[in-house]
């Protein structure tokens, strides 16, 4: 699980809404890096080509003051993950999502 309180809250709200509306479809979680990611390896994954929007993603990350102190590590992970997932799925950049429900 993701230790960041904002990420936990968004997940909780989303799951509550899906429960309230009796949503029956699949739900995928954004892959937020942390040391506990190894627990997600066994979950089904979805890869999405983000080549056309990768620059906008980087610009958006720069807007979060909470990320500035760790931006160097964060950017390294964002780039390397997007490149590796892209190469393995035939695109320039790709994003990984984990099935939550």
Protein backbone atom coordinates (compact mmCIF):
# COMPACT_ATOMS: atom_id res chain seq x y z
CA UNK A 1 0.00 0.00 0.00
CA UNK A 2 1.03 3.59 -0.61
CA UNK A 3 2.11 5.39 2.58
CA UNK A 4 1.30 8.93 1.33
CA UNK A 5 -1.87 10.21 3.10
CA UNK A 6 -3.20 12.05 0.04
CA UNK A 7 -2.89 8.94 -2.11
CA UNK A 8 -4.62 6.84 0.55
CA UNK A 9 -7.48 9.35 0.77
CA UNK A 10 -8.05 9.43 -3.01
CA UNK A 11 -8.07 5.62 -3.09
CA UNK A 12 -10.52 5.46 -0.18
CA UNK A 13 -12.88 8.02 -1.73
CA UNK A 14 -12.81 6.27 -5.10
CA UNK A 15 -13.52 2.88 -3.59
CA UNK A 16 -16.37 4.33 -1.49
CA UNK A 17 -17.97 5.95 -4.55
CA UNK A 18 -17.64 2.75 -6.57
CA UNK A 19 -19.28 0.84 -3.72
CA UNK A 20 -22.08 3.42 -3.37
CA UNK A 21 -22.95 3.32 -7.06
CA UNK A 22 -22.52 -0.47 -7.19
CA UNK A 23 -19.84 -0.21 -9.88
CA UNK A 24 -19.08 -3.64 -11.32
CA UNK A 25 -16.20 -2.79 -13.68
CA UNK A 26 -12.47 -3.07 -13.21
CA UNK A 27 -10.54 -0.45 -11.24
CA UNK A 28 -6.84 0.14 -11.77
CA UNK A 29 -4.49 1.98 -9.41
CA UNK A 30 -1.75 4.33 -10.51
CA UNK A 31 1.70 2.92 -9.84
CA UNK A 32 3.14 5.19 -7.14
CA UNK A 33 6.68 4.14 -6.30
CA UNK A 34 7.56 3.14 -2.76
CA UNK A 35 9.50 0.36 -1.07
CA UNK A 36 6.32 -1.68 -0.58
CA UNK A 37 5.62 -2.04 -4.33
CA UNK A 38 6.82 -5.64 -4.24
CA UNK A 39 3.43 -6.63 -2.80
CA UNK A 40 1.75 -5.54 -6.05
CA UNK A 41 3.81 -7.76 -8.35
CA UNK A 42 1.19 -10.53 -8.30
CA UNK A 43 -1.71 -8.19 -9.23
CA UNK A 44 -2.92 -7.89 -12.83
CA UNK A 45 -1.35 -4.92 -14.60
CA UNK A 46 -2.40 -2.54 -17.36
CA UNK A 47 0.13 -0.60 -19.46
CA UNK A 48 -0.86 2.61 -21.25
CA UNK A 49 1.14 4.45 -23.92
CA UNK A 50 1.88 7.92 -22.49
CA UNK A 51 4.30 9.04 -25.21
CA UNK A 52 2.07 11.94 -26.31
CA UNK A 53 1.47 13.19 -22.74
CA UNK A 54 4.79 12.48 -21.02
CA UNK A 55 5.96 16.12 -21.17
CA UNK A 56 2.69 17.28 -19.58
CA UNK A 57 3.16 14.68 -16.83
CA UNK A 58 6.60 16.10 -16.00
CA UNK A 59 5.20 19.64 -15.94
CA UNK A 60 2.38 18.54 -13.63
CA UNK A 61 4.83 16.91 -11.21
CA UNK A 62 6.64 20.22 -10.94
CA UNK A 63 3.46 21.83 -9.58
CA UNK A 64 3.44 19.80 -6.37
CA UNK A 65 5.41 21.53 -3.65
CA UNK A 66 5.35 18.33 -1.60
CA UNK A 67 7.45 16.66 -4.29
CA UNK A 68 10.19 19.32 -4.61
CA UNK A 69 12.42 17.94 -1.87
CA UNK A 70 12.57 14.55 -3.54
CA UNK A 71 12.27 15.68 -7.17
CA UNK A 72 15.65 14.31 -8.29
CA UNK A 73 14.84 10.78 -7.08
CA UNK A 74 11.25 11.09 -8.26
CA UNK A 75 12.21 12.25 -11.76
CA UNK A 76 14.77 9.47 -12.12
CA UNK A 77 12.07 6.94 -11.26
CA UNK A 78 9.45 8.57 -13.53
CA UNK A 79 11.81 8.59 -16.51
CA UNK A 80 13.27 5.12 -15.98
CA UNK A 81 9.88 3.48 -15.38
CA UNK A 82 8.28 5.16 -18.39
CA UNK A 83 11.19 4.18 -20.64
CA UNK A 84 11.40 0.57 -19.43
CA UNK A 85 7.63 0.06 -19.65
CA UNK A 86 7.62 1.74 -23.06
CA UNK A 87 10.40 -0.44 -24.45
CA UNK A 88 8.76 -3.62 -23.18
CA UNK A 89 5.41 -2.61 -24.71
CA UNK A 90 6.54 -1.15 -28.03
CA UNK A 91 6.12 2.56 -27.26
CA UNK A 92 8.44 5.40 -26.32
CA UNK A 93 6.92 5.84 -22.84
CA UNK A 94 4.33 3.73 -21.00
CA UNK A 95 2.64 3.92 -17.59
CA UNK A 96 1.83 0.88 -15.42
CA UNK A 97 -1.39 0.50 -13.44
CA UNK A 98 -2.33 -2.27 -10.98
CA UNK A 99 -5.76 -3.83 -10.78
CA UNK A 100 -7.45 -2.86 -7.51
CA UNK A 101 -10.85 -4.44 -8.14
